[in-house]
Amino acid sequence: MKRIIKKIVKVILYTLLILVLAFISIFAWDKVGQKWQELNFKPKPQLTVIGKPFIDFEAELPDSTVHRLSEYAGKGQYVLLDFWASWCGPCIRSFPMLKELHEKYHDRGLLIIGISADRNPNAWHYALGQHACPWPMLRETTASQEGRASATDLYAIEYFPTFVLLDPEGQVIFSPYEEHGYVEDERKQLIEKLAGIFEE
């Protein structure tokens, strides 16, 4: 009987010891992780400031030809940059709104340009085939992602979708960091902004 009691006591003590060690390990790991994040977190600088000129970058069309934003921006038309990715649900749900804006304003001087952050070109091509957006769709090239700064880095994109509107001279006139904070707010304010521009 005494042996059984001793064994039970040992099991209880070992169990308590394991629980204490596990708790200490989890707590310590959490502190280490938190410290690592504090040391390594570097918020992107806000570069897309209203009133500043656009920042040029390279990206590729579906046919793999590389183009620069400067081929489109600052050429006498409004340019709406749509930063998105094929895996982003809110991005896909924004396409009907963008198609409506294209339908209403394209002939009046609005050019929409999609800028995809997709690393996988197959996923990007599949999304393009599924949604058939009638405006130029570009993707950050491997060179821009691995070498020079990518478009999403240059424009300090923190979430998708993000919309940046340029005026005919190529200056930023709508930026998410100064106008709104949520995707729904961004869509609404973008619609209002364009309605004001085109006197709707």
Protein backbone atom coordinates (compact mmCIF):
# COMPACT_ATOMS: atom_id res chain seq x y z
CA MET A 1 0.00 0.00 0.00
CA LYS A 2 2.81 2.35 0.96
CA ARG A 3 4.57 1.63 -2.35
CA ILE A 4 1.42 2.49 -4.29
CA ILE A 5 1.05 5.76 -2.37
CA LYS A 6 4.72 6.60 -3.03
CA LYS A 7 4.26 5.92 -6.74
CA ILE A 8 1.13 8.11 -6.85
CA VAL A 9 2.97 10.90 -5.03
CA LYS A 10 5.91 10.60 -7.43
CA VAL A 11 3.60 10.74 -10.45
CA ILE A 12 1.85 13.83 -9.03
CA LEU A 13 5.17 15.53 -8.29
CA TYR A 14 6.58 14.72 -11.73
CA THR A 15 3.38 15.97 -13.35
CA LEU A 16 3.53 19.21 -11.38
CA LEU A 17 7.19 19.62 -12.26
CA ILE A 18 6.48 19.11 -15.96
CA LEU A 19 3.61 21.61 -15.84
CA VAL A 20 5.79 24.20 -14.09
CA LEU A 21 8.61 23.71 -16.59
CA ALA A 22 6.18 23.90 -19.49
CA PHE A 23 4.71 27.13 -18.12
CA ILE A 24 8.17 28.65 -17.64
CA SER A 25 9.19 27.57 -21.16
CA ILE A 26 6.09 29.06 -22.76
CA PHE A 27 6.46 32.30 -20.81
CA ALA A 28 10.15 32.56 -21.63
CA TRP A 29 9.57 31.77 -25.33
CA ASP A 30 6.82 34.38 -25.49
CA LYS A 31 9.17 36.96 -24.02
CA VAL A 32 11.93 36.00 -26.45
CA GLY A 33 9.51 36.22 -29.39
CA GLN A 34 8.19 39.56 -28.23
CA LYS A 35 11.72 40.94 -27.88
CA TRP A 36 12.64 39.60 -31.34
CA GLN A 37 9.63 41.34 -32.88
CA GLU A 38 10.49 44.60 -31.13
CA LEU A 39 14.05 44.44 -32.44
CA ASN A 40 13.12 43.40 -35.97
CA PHE A 41 9.87 45.27 -36.63
CA LYS A 42 10.55 48.10 -39.04
CA PRO A 43 7.41 49.89 -40.18
CA LYS A 44 7.54 50.94 -43.81
CA PRO A 45 8.06 54.65 -44.30
CA GLN A 46 5.09 56.55 -45.65
CA LEU A 47 6.24 57.42 -49.14
CA THR A 48 2.93 57.91 -50.97
CA VAL A 49 2.25 61.39 -49.68
CA ILE A 50 -0.49 63.50 -51.22
CA GLY A 51 0.96 66.23 -53.39
CA LYS A 52 4.20 64.34 -54.08
CA PRO A 53 5.09 62.93 -57.52
CA PHE A 54 4.67 59.22 -58.22
CA ILE A 55 7.54 56.83 -57.57
CA ASP A 56 8.60 54.94 -60.67
CA PHE A 57 9.08 51.16 -60.73
CA GLU A 58 9.31 48.19 -63.08
CA ALA A 59 6.74 45.40 -63.42
CA GLU A 60 5.76 42.86 -66.05
CA LEU A 61 2.69 42.34 -68.20
CA PRO A 62 1.21 38.84 -68.71
CA ASP A 63 3.33 38.47 -71.86
CA SER A 64 6.45 38.88 -69.65
CA THR A 65 7.44 42.23 -71.16
CA VAL A 66 8.75 44.59 -68.51
CA HIS A 67 7.32 48.10 -68.28
CA ARG A 68 7.70 51.13 -66.06
CA LEU A 69 4.98 53.11 -64.32
CA SER A 70 6.36 56.22 -66.02
CA GLU A 71 5.03 54.84 -69.33
CA TYR A 72 1.51 55.47 -67.99
CA ALA A 73 1.71 58.09 -65.24
CA GLY A 74 2.15 61.81 -65.83
CA LYS A 75 0.84 61.53 -69.40
CA GLY A 76 -2.27 63.69 -69.05
CA GLN A 77 -4.66 61.14 -67.55
CA TYR A 78 -5.64 60.07 -64.05
CA VAL A 79 -3.99 56.79 -63.07
CA LEU A 80 -5.44 54.55 -60.38
CA LEU A 81 -2.99 52.00 -58.98
CA ASP A 82 -4.64 48.90 -57.55
CA PHE A 83 -2.18 46.95 -55.39
CA TRP A 84 -3.54 43.43 -55.04
CA ALA A 85 -2.73 39.69 -54.98
CA SER A 86 -4.51 36.59 -56.26
CA TRP A 87 -4.76 35.10 -52.74
CA CYS A 88 -6.41 38.25 -51.32
CA GLY A 89 -10.19 37.87 -50.95
CA PRO A 90 -10.93 41.61 -50.49
CA CYS A 91 -8.86 42.30 -53.64
CA ILE A 92 -10.99 39.94 -55.72
CA ARG A 93 -14.17 41.41 -54.24
CA SER A 94 -12.98 44.87 -55.31
CA PHE A 95 -12.85 43.93 -59.00
CA PRO A 96 -16.59 44.55 -59.67
CA MET A 97 -16.25 48.05 -58.19
CA LEU A 98 -13.15 48.70 -60.29
CA LYS A 99 -14.92 47.45 -63.41
CA GLU A 100 -17.73 49.92 -62.75
CA LEU A 101 -15.20 52.74 -62.34
CA HIS A 102 -13.48 51.68 -65.55
CA GLU A 103 -16.81 51.62 -67.38
CA LYS A 104 -17.76 55.10 -66.13
CA TYR A 105 -14.48 56.96 -66.35
CA HIS A 106 -12.06 55.26 -68.73
CA ASP A 107 -13.22 57.24 -71.75
CA ARG A 108 -13.10 60.41 -69.65
CA GLY A 109 -9.46 60.08 -68.67
CA LEU A 110 -9.06 57.39 -65.99
CA LEU A 111 -6.57 54.54 -66.43
CA ILE A 112 -6.62 51.73 -63.87
CA ILE A 113 -3.44 49.70 -63.48
CA GLY A 114 -3.33 46.52 -61.43
CA ILE A 115 -0.08 45.88 -59.55
CA SER A 116 0.10 42.29 -58.33
CA ALA A 117 2.38 41.19 -55.50
CA ASP A 118 2.06 37.53 -56.53
CA ARG A 119 5.30 35.60 -56.35
CA ASN A 120 3.73 32.71 -58.23
CA PRO A 121 3.16 33.71 -61.87
CA ASN A 122 0.85 30.73 -62.42
CA ALA A 123 -1.50 31.86 -59.65
CA TRP A 124 -1.45 35.36 -61.10
CA HIS A 125 -2.22 34.17 -64.64
CA TYR A 126 -5.03 31.98 -63.34
CA ALA A 127 -6.59 34.94 -61.49
CA LEU A 128 -6.32 37.10 -64.60
CA GLY A 129 -8.13 34.43 -66.62
CA GLN A 130 -10.86 34.10 -63.99
CA HIS A 131 -11.63 37.80 -63.61
CA ALA A 132 -10.79 39.31 -67.01
CA CYS A 133 -10.14 42.88 -65.91
CA PRO A 134 -10.01 45.21 -68.95
CA TRP A 135 -7.05 47.34 -67.82
CA PRO A 136 -3.28 46.78 -67.73
CA MET A 137 -2.37 44.14 -65.17
CA LEU A 138 1.25 44.18 -64.05
CA ARG A 139 3.13 41.96 -61.63
CA GLU A 140 6.20 42.77 -59.59
CA THR A 141 9.08 41.09 -61.36
CA THR A 142 11.46 38.68 -59.70
CA ALA A 143 14.24 41.19 -60.26
CA SER A 144 12.34 43.92 -58.43
CA GLN A 145 11.43 41.57 -55.58
CA GLU A 146 14.92 40.17 -55.06
CA GLY A 147 17.09 43.05 -56.17
CA ARG A 148 15.78 46.57 -56.48
CA ALA A 149 12.89 47.69 -54.28
CA SER A 150 9.52 46.34 -55.37
CA ALA A 151 6.48 48.49 -56.09
CA THR A 152 4.84 47.45 -52.82
CA ASP A 153 7.97 48.49 -50.92
CA LEU A 154 8.30 51.78 -52.77
CA TYR A 155 4.67 52.63 -52.02
CA ALA A 156 4.89 51.28 -48.45
CA ILE A 157 1.94 48.95 -49.02
CA GLU A 158 0.87 47.37 -45.71
CA TYR A 159 -2.30 45.58 -46.82
CA PHE A 160 -4.22 44.55 -49.94
CA PRO A 161 -6.02 45.94 -51.74
CA THR A 162 -4.55 49.41 -51.58
CA PHE A 163 -5.51 52.15 -54.05
CA VAL A 164 -3.30 55.10 -54.97
CA LEU A 165 -4.63 57.75 -57.36
CA LEU A 166 -2.36 59.97 -59.48
CA ASP A 167 -3.43 63.15 -61.22
CA PRO A 168 -2.65 63.89 -64.92
CA GLU A 169 0.72 65.37 -63.91
CA GLY A 170 1.62 62.25 -61.94
CA GLN A 171 1.14 63.60 -58.43
CA VAL A 172 -0.47 61.52 -55.67
CA ILE A 173 -3.96 62.84 -54.92
CA PHE A 174 -5.41 59.87 -53.03
CA SER A 175 -3.43 57.80 -50.56
CA PRO A 176 -4.74 55.25 -48.03
CA TYR A 177 -2.44 56.50 -45.28
CA GLU A 178 -3.97 59.96 -45.30
CA GLU A 179 -7.59 59.36 -46.24
CA HIS A 180 -8.87 56.21 -44.52
CA GLY A 181 -8.04 53.09 -42.59
CA TYR A 182 -10.25 50.20 -43.72
CA VAL A 183 -10.83 48.58 -47.09
CA GLU A 184 -14.54 49.44 -47.11
CA ASP A 185 -13.74 53.06 -46.23
CA GLU A 186 -11.09 53.11 -48.93
CA ARG A 187 -13.51 51.88 -51.60
CA LYS A 188 -16.16 54.40 -50.56
CA GLN A 189 -13.79 57.35 -50.44
CA LEU A 190 -12.21 56.38 -53.75
CA ILE A 191 -15.63 56.34 -55.41
CA GLU A 192 -16.40 59.76 -53.89
CA LYS A 193 -13.02 61.13 -54.96
CA LEU A 194 -13.48 60.07 -58.57
CA ALA A 195 -17.08 61.31 -58.63
CA GLY A 196 -15.80 64.72 -57.51
CA ILE A 197 -13.05 64.74 -60.12
CA PHE A 198 -15.36 63.82 -62.99
CA GLU A 199 -18.23 65.97 -61.69
CA GLU A 200 -20.70 63.18 -61.12
